[in-house]
Amino acid sequence: MPRRYPFVRVGVFTDHIFGGNQLAVFLAPDGPSDDEMQAIAREMNIAEITFVFASTQSDCVARVRIFTPARELPFAGHPTVGTTWVLAREGRLPAGSREVVLEEGIGPVPVRLEGDLTSPSSVWMKQRDAEFGPELTNRGAFARALALEEGDLLVQTGVELAGVESDMEWFALVGPLERLGHG
């Protein structure tokens, strides 16, 4: 027998309909399995979706799991903001709470709401500071991997491993932009 999972679809970072980053928030107290959540994310085929459960931590108002069509994420900004807004609209936050904490894969994430608490005008989250790894010493190999020449990487900056939370990526300043993909 098919199961039903209620959800709310919203545009995050916008003040008008059909704008912003799309997000589906599943309010799933008796939620789907891990495999089902991943299958739902693939089926919806938007950047991220969230599933909201009761928190396992006493200082958090809800446990939020974030999925892309490809995998689960320990943290992401727009799903955190959008999920908090939906929880406020649906009356699922403690009455009068302007500051709440969500339990996510990376741990507790503090969030602040502004405006009418039944339809917040703004939602702010606090994320950890970026972490930086070692600077890449072989700039030429890095440039070639991007179909660039080493001279396309700006000289005064390094190529550094950086990330927020658990996802680390390489960052480099490149100029001019028309060189991208023309190596």
N, C-alpha and C. Protein backbone atom coordinates (compact mmCIF):
# COMPACT_ATOMS: atom_id res chain seq x y z
N MET A 1 0.84 -1.18 0.00
CA MET A 1 0.00 0.00 0.00
C MET A 1 0.89 1.25 0.00
N PRO A 2 0.60 2.20 -0.87
CA PRO A 2 1.43 3.42 -0.93
C PRO A 2 1.36 4.20 0.38
N ARG A 3 2.49 4.81 0.72
CA ARG A 3 2.53 5.66 1.91
C ARG A 3 2.54 7.11 1.47
N ARG A 4 2.00 7.97 2.31
CA ARG A 4 1.95 9.40 2.00
C ARG A 4 2.89 10.15 2.94
N TYR A 5 3.62 11.08 2.37
CA TYR A 5 4.52 11.92 3.14
C TYR A 5 4.20 13.38 2.82
N PRO A 6 3.53 14.07 3.75
CA PRO A 6 3.19 15.47 3.46
C PRO A 6 4.45 16.32 3.36
N PHE A 7 4.42 17.29 2.45
CA PHE A 7 5.56 18.20 2.31
C PHE A 7 5.08 19.58 1.89
N VAL A 8 5.96 20.54 2.10
CA VAL A 8 5.73 21.91 1.67
C VAL A 8 6.85 22.27 0.73
N ARG A 9 6.51 22.85 -0.42
CA ARG A 9 7.53 23.28 -1.37
C ARG A 9 7.59 24.80 -1.34
N VAL A 10 8.79 25.33 -1.15
CA VAL A 10 8.96 26.77 -1.02
C VAL A 10 10.13 27.25 -1.87
N GLY A 11 10.14 28.55 -2.13
CA GLY A 11 11.28 29.21 -2.74
C GLY A 11 12.03 29.95 -1.64
N VAL A 12 13.29 29.63 -1.45
CA VAL A 12 14.10 30.24 -0.39
C VAL A 12 14.88 31.41 -0.99
N PHE A 13 15.11 32.44 -0.20
CA PHE A 13 15.84 33.65 -0.61
C PHE A 13 15.05 34.44 -1.65
N THR A 14 13.76 34.59 -1.44
CA THR A 14 12.94 35.39 -2.34
C THR A 14 11.76 35.95 -1.57
N ASP A 15 11.14 36.97 -2.14
CA ASP A 15 9.91 37.50 -1.55
C ASP A 15 8.76 37.45 -2.54
N HIS A 16 8.93 36.70 -3.63
CA HIS A 16 7.84 36.56 -4.60
C HIS A 16 7.73 35.13 -5.12
N ILE A 17 6.55 34.79 -5.56
CA ILE A 17 6.27 33.44 -6.04
C ILE A 17 7.11 33.12 -7.28
N PHE A 18 7.48 31.88 -7.43
CA PHE A 18 8.29 31.37 -8.54
C PHE A 18 9.70 31.96 -8.57
N GLY A 19 10.19 32.34 -7.40
CA GLY A 19 11.56 32.86 -7.31
C GLY A 19 12.34 32.06 -6.28
N GLY A 20 13.60 32.38 -6.15
CA GLY A 20 14.44 31.78 -5.12
C GLY A 20 14.90 30.38 -5.42
N ASN A 21 15.54 29.78 -4.44
CA ASN A 21 16.02 28.39 -4.54
C ASN A 21 14.92 27.47 -4.06
N GLN A 22 14.54 26.53 -4.88
CA GLN A 22 13.46 25.61 -4.53
C GLN A 22 13.89 24.64 -3.44
N LEU A 23 12.95 24.35 -2.55
CA LEU A 23 13.17 23.42 -1.45
C LEU A 23 11.86 22.71 -1.14
N ALA A 24 11.91 21.42 -0.94
CA ALA A 24 10.76 20.65 -0.45
C ALA A 24 11.08 20.22 0.98
N VAL A 25 10.16 20.49 1.89
CA VAL A 25 10.33 20.16 3.30
C VAL A 25 9.29 19.10 3.66
N PHE A 26 9.76 17.91 3.99
CA PHE A 26 8.88 16.81 4.38
C PHE A 26 8.76 16.79 5.89
N LEU A 27 7.55 16.96 6.37
CA LEU A 27 7.28 16.95 7.80
C LEU A 27 6.94 15.51 8.16
N ALA A 28 7.95 14.72 8.47
CA ALA A 28 7.84 13.26 8.51
C ALA A 28 8.08 12.67 9.90
N PRO A 29 7.10 12.75 10.80
CA PRO A 29 7.34 12.18 12.13
C PRO A 29 7.55 10.67 12.11
N ASP A 30 6.89 9.97 11.23
CA ASP A 30 7.10 8.53 11.05
C ASP A 30 7.66 8.33 9.66
N GLY A 31 8.83 8.88 9.47
CA GLY A 31 9.37 9.07 8.14
C GLY A 31 9.79 7.83 7.39
N PRO A 32 10.17 8.07 6.18
CA PRO A 32 10.65 7.01 5.30
C PRO A 32 12.04 6.53 5.71
N SER A 33 12.44 5.40 5.13
CA SER A 33 13.78 4.86 5.38
C SER A 33 14.83 5.72 4.67
N ASP A 34 16.09 5.47 4.97
CA ASP A 34 17.17 6.20 4.29
C ASP A 34 17.07 6.02 2.78
N ASP A 35 16.87 4.79 2.33
CA ASP A 35 16.76 4.54 0.89
C ASP A 35 15.56 5.25 0.28
N GLU A 36 14.44 5.26 1.01
CA GLU A 36 13.25 5.96 0.50
C GLU A 36 13.47 7.46 0.43
N MET A 37 14.15 8.03 1.44
CA MET A 37 14.43 9.47 1.39
C MET A 37 15.29 9.80 0.18
N GLN A 38 16.30 8.99 -0.09
CA GLN A 38 17.15 9.23 -1.25
C GLN A 38 16.35 9.09 -2.54
N ALA A 39 15.47 8.10 -2.61
CA ALA A 39 14.64 7.90 -3.80
C ALA A 39 13.69 9.08 -4.01
N ILE A 40 13.12 9.60 -2.93
CA ILE A 40 12.24 10.77 -3.03
C ILE A 40 13.02 11.97 -3.54
N ALA A 41 14.23 12.17 -3.03
CA ALA A 41 15.07 13.29 -3.50
C ALA A 41 15.37 13.16 -4.98
N ARG A 42 15.70 11.95 -5.43
CA ARG A 42 15.94 11.74 -6.87
C ARG A 42 14.69 12.04 -7.68
N GLU A 43 13.56 11.57 -7.20
CA GLU A 43 12.29 11.77 -7.91
C GLU A 43 11.91 13.25 -7.99
N MET A 44 12.10 14.00 -6.90
CA MET A 44 11.75 15.42 -6.90
C MET A 44 12.71 16.22 -7.78
N ASN A 45 13.97 15.81 -7.82
CA ASN A 45 14.97 16.39 -8.71
C ASN A 45 15.11 17.91 -8.58
N ILE A 46 15.16 18.39 -7.33
CA ILE A 46 15.52 19.78 -7.07
C ILE A 46 16.80 19.77 -6.25
N ALA A 47 17.41 20.93 -6.08
CA ALA A 47 18.74 20.99 -5.45
C ALA A 47 18.80 20.24 -4.13
N GLU A 48 17.89 20.54 -3.21
CA GLU A 48 17.86 19.85 -1.93
C GLU A 48 16.43 19.70 -1.45
N ILE A 49 16.22 18.67 -0.64
CA ILE A 49 14.97 18.50 0.09
C ILE A 49 15.34 18.15 1.52
N THR A 50 14.42 18.42 2.45
CA THR A 50 14.69 18.08 3.84
C THR A 50 13.57 17.21 4.40
N PHE A 51 13.95 16.41 5.38
CA PHE A 51 13.01 15.60 6.14
C PHE A 51 13.15 16.02 7.60
N VAL A 52 12.02 16.32 8.24
CA VAL A 52 12.03 16.83 9.61
C VAL A 52 11.51 15.74 10.55
N PHE A 53 12.28 15.49 11.59
CA PHE A 53 11.94 14.48 12.59
C PHE A 53 12.04 15.12 13.98
N ALA A 54 11.57 14.40 14.99
CA ALA A 54 11.78 14.83 16.36
C ALA A 54 13.28 14.80 16.64
N SER A 55 13.76 15.78 17.37
CA SER A 55 15.18 15.86 17.67
C SER A 55 15.59 14.78 18.68
N THR A 56 16.83 14.35 18.56
CA THR A 56 17.39 13.43 19.55
C THR A 56 18.19 14.19 20.60
N GLN A 57 18.28 15.52 20.45
CA GLN A 57 19.04 16.36 21.38
C GLN A 57 18.08 17.33 22.06
N SER A 58 18.17 17.44 23.36
CA SER A 58 17.22 18.25 24.13
C SER A 58 17.26 19.73 23.80
N ASP A 59 18.40 20.24 23.32
CA ASP A 59 18.50 21.67 23.03
C ASP A 59 18.10 22.02 21.59
N CYS A 60 17.64 21.05 20.81
CA CYS A 60 17.25 21.27 19.42
C CYS A 60 15.75 21.08 19.26
N VAL A 61 15.13 21.91 18.40
CA VAL A 61 13.68 21.84 18.21
C VAL A 61 13.28 20.76 17.21
N ALA A 62 14.19 20.36 16.33
CA ALA A 62 13.88 19.35 15.32
C ALA A 62 15.17 18.76 14.78
N ARG A 63 15.06 17.56 14.26
CA ARG A 63 16.18 16.93 13.55
C ARG A 63 15.89 17.06 12.07
N VAL A 64 16.85 17.59 11.33
CA VAL A 64 16.67 17.84 9.90
C VAL A 64 17.71 17.05 9.11
N ARG A 65 17.23 16.29 8.14
CA ARG A 65 18.13 15.56 7.24
C ARG A 65 17.97 16.16 5.86
N ILE A 66 19.09 16.43 5.21
CA ILE A 66 19.13 17.14 3.93
C ILE A 66 19.60 16.19 2.85
N PHE A 67 18.84 16.12 1.75
CA PHE A 67 19.20 15.25 0.63
C PHE A 67 19.23 16.03 -0.67
N THR A 68 20.18 15.71 -1.52
CA THR A 68 20.20 16.13 -2.92
C THR A 68 19.74 14.92 -3.73
N PRO A 69 19.54 15.07 -5.04
CA PRO A 69 19.21 13.88 -5.83
C PRO A 69 20.29 12.80 -5.77
N ALA A 70 21.52 13.17 -5.42
CA ALA A 70 22.63 12.21 -5.43
C ALA A 70 23.01 11.66 -4.06
N ARG A 71 22.82 12.46 -2.97
CA ARG A 71 23.31 11.99 -1.67
C ARG A 71 22.76 12.84 -0.53
N GLU A 72 22.99 12.34 0.69
CA GLU A 72 22.63 13.11 1.88
C GLU A 72 23.77 14.07 2.22
N LEU A 73 23.41 15.27 2.67
CA LEU A 73 24.40 16.27 3.09
C LEU A 73 24.34 16.45 4.60
N PRO A 74 25.48 16.68 5.24
CA PRO A 74 25.46 16.92 6.68
C PRO A 74 24.97 18.32 7.04
N PHE A 75 25.01 19.23 6.05
CA PHE A 75 24.63 20.63 6.29
C PHE A 75 24.52 21.33 4.94
N ALA A 76 23.60 22.27 4.85
CA ALA A 76 23.53 23.18 3.70
C ALA A 76 22.71 24.39 4.13
N GLY A 77 23.08 25.55 3.62
CA GLY A 77 22.48 26.80 4.06
C GLY A 77 21.03 26.99 3.69
N HIS A 78 20.71 26.92 2.39
CA HIS A 78 19.34 27.25 2.01
C HIS A 78 18.32 26.24 2.55
N PRO A 79 18.66 24.95 2.66
CA PRO A 79 17.70 24.05 3.30
C PRO A 79 17.48 24.35 4.79
N THR A 80 18.52 24.80 5.47
CA THR A 80 18.38 25.15 6.89
C THR A 80 17.45 26.34 7.05
N VAL A 81 17.68 27.38 6.26
CA VAL A 81 16.85 28.59 6.31
C VAL A 81 15.41 28.27 5.92
N GLY A 82 15.24 27.58 4.80
CA GLY A 82 13.89 27.26 4.31
C GLY A 82 13.12 26.35 5.24
N THR A 83 13.78 25.36 5.80
CA THR A 83 13.11 24.44 6.72
C THR A 83 12.65 25.18 7.97
N THR A 84 13.48 26.08 8.49
CA THR A 84 13.09 26.85 9.67
C THR A 84 11.86 27.70 9.37
N TRP A 85 11.84 28.33 8.19
CA TRP A 85 10.68 29.15 7.79
C TRP A 85 9.42 28.29 7.74
N VAL A 86 9.52 27.11 7.13
CA VAL A 86 8.36 26.21 7.05
C VAL A 86 7.91 25.78 8.44
N LEU A 87 8.84 25.43 9.31
CA LEU A 87 8.48 25.04 10.67
C LEU A 87 7.73 26.17 11.38
N ALA A 88 8.16 27.41 11.18
CA ALA A 88 7.47 28.56 11.77
C ALA A 88 6.07 28.69 11.19
N ARG A 89 5.94 28.63 9.87
CA ARG A 89 4.63 28.76 9.20
C ARG A 89 3.66 27.66 9.62
N GLU A 90 4.18 26.47 9.85
CA GLU A 90 3.34 25.33 10.21
C GLU A 90 3.08 25.25 11.72
N GLY A 91 3.59 26.23 12.49
CA GLY A 91 3.38 26.23 13.93
C GLY A 91 4.12 25.13 14.66
N ARG A 92 5.28 24.75 14.14
CA ARG A 92 6.04 23.64 14.73
C ARG A 92 7.26 24.09 15.52
N LEU A 93 7.31 25.38 15.84
CA LEU A 93 8.38 25.90 16.70
C LEU A 93 7.76 26.31 18.02
N PRO A 94 8.52 26.30 19.10
CA PRO A 94 7.99 26.74 20.39
C PRO A 94 7.45 28.17 20.28
N ALA A 95 6.28 28.41 20.85
CA ALA A 95 5.63 29.72 20.78
C ALA A 95 6.56 30.82 21.25
N GLY A 96 6.63 31.88 20.47
CA GLY A 96 7.43 33.05 20.83
C GLY A 96 8.92 32.91 20.62
N SER A 97 9.36 31.80 20.06
CA SER A 97 10.81 31.57 19.89
C SER A 97 11.35 32.30 18.68
N ARG A 98 12.25 33.22 18.92
CA ARG A 98 12.95 33.91 17.83
C ARG A 98 14.28 33.24 17.51
N GLU A 99 14.79 32.48 18.46
CA GLU A 99 16.04 31.75 18.25
C GLU A 99 15.80 30.28 18.58
N VAL A 100 16.15 29.43 17.61
CA VAL A 100 15.99 27.98 17.78
C VAL A 100 17.27 27.31 17.31
N VAL A 101 17.38 26.04 17.60
CA VAL A 101 18.53 25.25 17.16
C VAL A 101 18.00 24.01 16.47
N LEU A 102 18.52 23.74 15.26
CA LEU A 102 18.17 22.54 14.52
C LEU A 102 19.29 21.52 14.67
N GLU A 103 18.91 20.27 14.78
CA GLU A 103 19.88 19.17 14.80
C GLU A 103 20.10 18.72 13.36
N GLU A 104 21.32 18.88 12.86
CA GLU A 104 21.64 18.46 11.50
C GLU A 104 22.82 17.48 11.55
N GLY A 105 23.20 16.97 10.43
CA GLY A 105 24.28 15.98 10.37
C GLY A 105 25.58 16.47 10.97
N ILE A 106 25.85 17.77 10.89
CA ILE A 106 27.09 18.33 11.43
C ILE A 106 26.96 18.70 12.90
N GLY A 107 25.76 18.57 13.44
CA GLY A 107 25.52 18.94 14.83
C GLY A 107 24.49 20.06 14.92
N PRO A 108 24.39 20.71 16.08
CA PRO A 108 23.41 21.76 16.28
C PRO A 108 23.71 23.00 15.42
N VAL A 109 22.66 23.55 14.80
CA VAL A 109 22.79 24.75 13.96
C VAL A 109 21.84 25.81 14.51
N PRO A 110 22.37 26.92 15.08
CA PRO A 110 21.52 27.99 15.60
C PRO A 110 20.88 28.79 14.46
N VAL A 111 19.60 29.13 14.65
CA VAL A 111 18.84 29.87 13.65
C VAL A 111 18.04 30.95 14.36
N ARG A 112 17.96 32.14 13.73
CA ARG A 112 17.21 33.27 14.30
C ARG A 112 16.15 33.73 13.31
N LEU A 113 14.94 34.00 13.81
CA LEU A 113 13.83 34.45 12.98
C LEU A 113 13.54 35.91 13.27
N GLU A 114 13.14 36.65 12.22
CA GLU A 114 12.76 38.05 12.37
C GLU A 114 11.37 38.25 11.81
N GLY A 115 10.68 39.27 12.34
CA GLY A 115 9.34 39.59 11.86
C GLY A 115 8.29 38.74 12.56
N ASP A 116 7.14 38.61 11.91
CA ASP A 116 6.02 37.82 12.42
C ASP A 116 6.45 36.36 12.52
N LEU A 117 6.36 35.79 13.69
CA LEU A 117 6.85 34.42 13.89
C LEU A 117 5.99 33.36 13.20
N THR A 118 4.80 33.73 12.71
CA THR A 118 4.00 32.78 11.94
C THR A 118 4.29 32.87 10.45
N SER A 119 5.03 33.90 10.06
CA SER A 119 5.46 34.07 8.67
C SER A 119 6.68 34.98 8.67
N PRO A 120 7.84 34.46 9.09
CA PRO A 120 9.02 35.30 9.28
C PRO A 120 9.43 36.05 8.02
N SER A 121 9.87 37.28 8.21
CA SER A 121 10.37 38.08 7.08
C SER A 121 11.81 37.71 6.76
N SER A 122 12.54 37.25 7.75
CA SER A 122 13.93 36.83 7.55
C SER A 122 14.26 35.68 8.49
N VAL A 123 15.13 34.81 8.01
CA VAL A 123 15.64 33.71 8.82
C VAL A 123 17.16 33.72 8.66
N TRP A 124 17.86 33.75 9.77
CA TRP A 124 19.32 33.80 9.76
C TRP A 124 19.88 32.56 10.44
N MET A 125 20.93 32.01 9.90
CA MET A 125 21.57 30.86 10.53
C MET A 125 23.03 31.18 10.81
N LYS A 126 23.58 30.49 11.77
CA LYS A 126 25.00 30.65 12.08
C LYS A 126 25.70 29.38 11.65
N GLN A 127 26.67 29.54 10.76
CA GLN A 127 27.45 28.37 10.38
C GLN A 127 28.86 28.53 10.88
N ARG A 128 29.54 27.45 10.93
CA ARG A 128 30.93 27.47 11.41
C ARG A 128 31.81 28.24 10.43
N ASP A 129 32.94 28.69 10.94
CA ASP A 129 33.91 29.35 10.07
C ASP A 129 34.50 28.33 9.10
N ALA A 130 34.91 28.82 7.95
CA ALA A 130 35.55 27.96 6.96
C ALA A 130 36.85 27.39 7.52
N GLU A 131 37.16 26.19 7.11
CA GLU A 131 38.43 25.56 7.48
C GLU A 131 39.30 25.53 6.23
N PHE A 132 40.59 25.72 6.42
CA PHE A 132 41.51 25.75 5.28
C PHE A 132 42.56 24.67 5.44
N GLY A 133 42.82 24.00 4.34
CA GLY A 133 43.85 22.97 4.31
C GLY A 133 45.12 23.54 3.71
N PRO A 134 46.01 22.67 3.29
CA PRO A 134 47.29 23.13 2.74
C PRO A 134 47.11 23.79 1.38
N GLU A 135 48.00 24.73 1.10
CA GLU A 135 48.00 25.36 -0.22
C GLU A 135 48.60 24.38 -1.22
N LEU A 136 48.00 24.32 -2.39
CA LEU A 136 48.48 23.43 -3.45
C LEU A 136 49.76 24.01 -4.04
N THR A 137 50.78 23.20 -4.11
CA THR A 137 52.06 23.71 -4.62
C THR A 137 52.21 23.54 -6.12
N ASN A 138 51.53 22.58 -6.72
CA ASN A 138 51.64 22.37 -8.16
C ASN A 138 50.51 23.11 -8.88
N ARG A 139 50.70 24.42 -9.05
CA ARG A 139 49.69 25.25 -9.68
C ARG A 139 49.45 24.85 -11.13
N GLY A 140 50.49 24.42 -11.82
CA GLY A 140 50.36 24.03 -13.22
C GLY A 140 49.42 22.86 -13.41
N ALA A 141 49.56 21.84 -12.58
CA ALA A 141 48.68 20.66 -12.67
C ALA A 141 47.24 21.04 -12.36
N PHE A 142 47.06 21.90 -11.37
CA PHE A 142 45.71 22.35 -11.02
C PHE A 142 45.09 23.10 -12.19
N ALA A 143 45.84 24.00 -12.80
CA ALA A 143 45.34 24.77 -13.94
C ALA A 143 44.96 23.84 -15.09
N ARG A 144 45.83 22.90 -15.41
CA ARG A 144 45.55 21.96 -16.51
C ARG A 144 44.29 21.15 -16.26
N ALA A 145 44.05 20.78 -15.01
CA ALA A 145 42.84 20.02 -14.68
C ALA A 145 41.58 20.82 -14.97
N LEU A 146 41.70 22.14 -14.99
CA LEU A 146 40.57 23.03 -15.30
C LEU A 146 40.60 23.52 -16.73
N ALA A 147 41.45 22.92 -17.56
CA ALA A 147 41.62 23.33 -18.96
C ALA A 147 42.09 24.78 -19.04
N LEU A 148 42.99 25.16 -18.13
CA LEU A 148 43.57 26.50 -18.10
C LEU A 148 45.08 26.39 -18.20
N GLU A 149 45.70 27.54 -18.36
CA GLU A 149 47.15 27.63 -18.27
C GLU A 149 47.49 28.18 -16.90
N GLU A 150 48.68 27.87 -16.41
CA GLU A 150 49.06 28.33 -15.08
C GLU A 150 48.95 29.85 -14.96
N GLY A 151 49.23 30.57 -16.03
CA GLY A 151 49.14 32.03 -16.01
C GLY A 151 47.72 32.55 -15.82
N ASP A 152 46.71 31.68 -16.04
CA ASP A 152 45.33 32.10 -15.84
C ASP A 152 44.96 32.17 -14.36
N LEU A 153 45.75 31.51 -13.50
CA LEU A 153 45.53 31.60 -12.06
C LEU A 153 46.19 32.88 -11.59
N LEU A 154 45.48 33.70 -10.88
CA LEU A 154 46.03 34.98 -10.45
C LEU A 154 47.26 34.75 -9.58
N VAL A 155 48.32 35.44 -9.89
CA VAL A 155 49.62 35.22 -9.26
C VAL A 155 49.61 35.52 -7.77
N GLN A 156 48.91 36.58 -7.38
CA GLN A 156 49.00 37.02 -5.99
C GLN A 156 48.19 36.15 -5.02
N THR A 157 47.49 35.16 -5.53
CA THR A 157 46.71 34.31 -4.64
C THR A 157 47.16 32.86 -4.76
N GLY A 158 46.88 32.12 -3.75
CA GLY A 158 47.22 30.70 -3.76
C GLY A 158 46.05 29.86 -4.23
N VAL A 159 46.31 28.61 -4.39
CA VAL A 159 45.27 27.62 -4.64
C VAL A 159 45.16 26.83 -3.35
N GLU A 160 44.00 26.88 -2.71
CA GLU A 160 43.90 26.35 -1.36
C GLU A 160 42.69 25.46 -1.22
N LEU A 161 42.83 24.43 -0.41
CA LEU A 161 41.72 23.55 -0.06
C LEU A 161 40.94 24.25 1.04
N ALA A 162 39.63 24.43 0.83
CA ALA A 162 38.82 25.13 1.82
C ALA A 162 37.42 24.54 1.84
N GLY A 163 36.74 24.72 2.96
CA GLY A 163 35.37 24.24 3.05
C GLY A 163 34.73 24.65 4.34
N VAL A 164 33.41 24.50 4.36
CA VAL A 164 32.64 24.73 5.56
C VAL A 164 32.01 23.40 5.92
N GLU A 165 32.11 23.03 7.16
CA GLU A 165 31.60 21.77 7.68
C GLU A 165 32.41 20.61 7.12
N SER A 166 31.80 19.69 6.37
CA SER A 166 32.52 18.48 6.00
C SER A 166 32.95 18.45 4.54
N ASP A 167 32.43 19.32 3.71
CA ASP A 167 32.78 19.29 2.29
C ASP A 167 33.94 20.23 2.03
N MET A 168 35.05 19.69 1.55
CA MET A 168 36.22 20.49 1.23
C MET A 168 36.35 20.56 -0.28
N GLU A 169 36.65 21.73 -0.80
CA GLU A 169 36.81 21.92 -2.23
C GLU A 169 38.02 22.81 -2.47
N TRP A 170 38.54 22.75 -3.69
CA TRP A 170 39.67 23.60 -4.06
C TRP A 170 39.16 24.95 -4.52
N PHE A 171 39.84 26.01 -4.09
CA PHE A 171 39.49 27.36 -4.50
C PHE A 171 40.72 28.05 -5.08
N ALA A 172 40.51 28.77 -6.16
CA ALA A 172 41.57 29.57 -6.77
C ALA A 172 40.92 30.75 -7.47
N LEU A 173 41.59 31.88 -7.46
CA LEU A 173 41.11 33.03 -8.22
C LEU A 173 41.65 32.94 -9.64
N VAL A 174 40.74 33.05 -10.59
CA VAL A 174 41.10 32.92 -12.00
C VAL A 174 40.70 34.21 -12.69
N GLY A 175 41.49 34.65 -13.61
CA GLY A 175 41.12 35.83 -14.39
C GLY A 175 41.79 35.76 -15.74
N PRO A 176 41.26 36.33 -16.75
CA PRO A 176 39.88 36.79 -16.89
C PRO A 176 38.93 35.62 -17.10
N LEU A 177 37.64 35.81 -16.80
CA LEU A 177 36.68 34.72 -16.84
C LEU A 177 36.52 34.10 -18.22
N GLU A 178 36.74 34.85 -19.27
CA GLU A 178 36.56 34.28 -20.61
C GLU A 178 37.58 33.18 -20.90
N ARG A 179 38.62 33.06 -20.07
CA ARG A 179 39.61 32.00 -20.26
C ARG A 179 39.09 30.64 -19.78
N LEU A 180 38.11 30.63 -18.91
CA LEU A 180 37.61 29.36 -18.39
C LEU A 180 37.14 28.47 -19.53
N GLY A 181 37.64 27.26 -19.56
CA GLY A 181 37.26 26.30 -20.57
C GLY A 181 37.94 26.48 -21.91
N HIS A 182 38.91 27.39 -22.01
CA HIS A 182 39.59 27.64 -23.28
C HIS A 182 41.06 27.29 -23.22
N GLY A 183 41.43 26.36 -22.31
CA GLY A 183 42.83 26.01 -22.11
C GLY A 183 43.42 25.24 -23.25
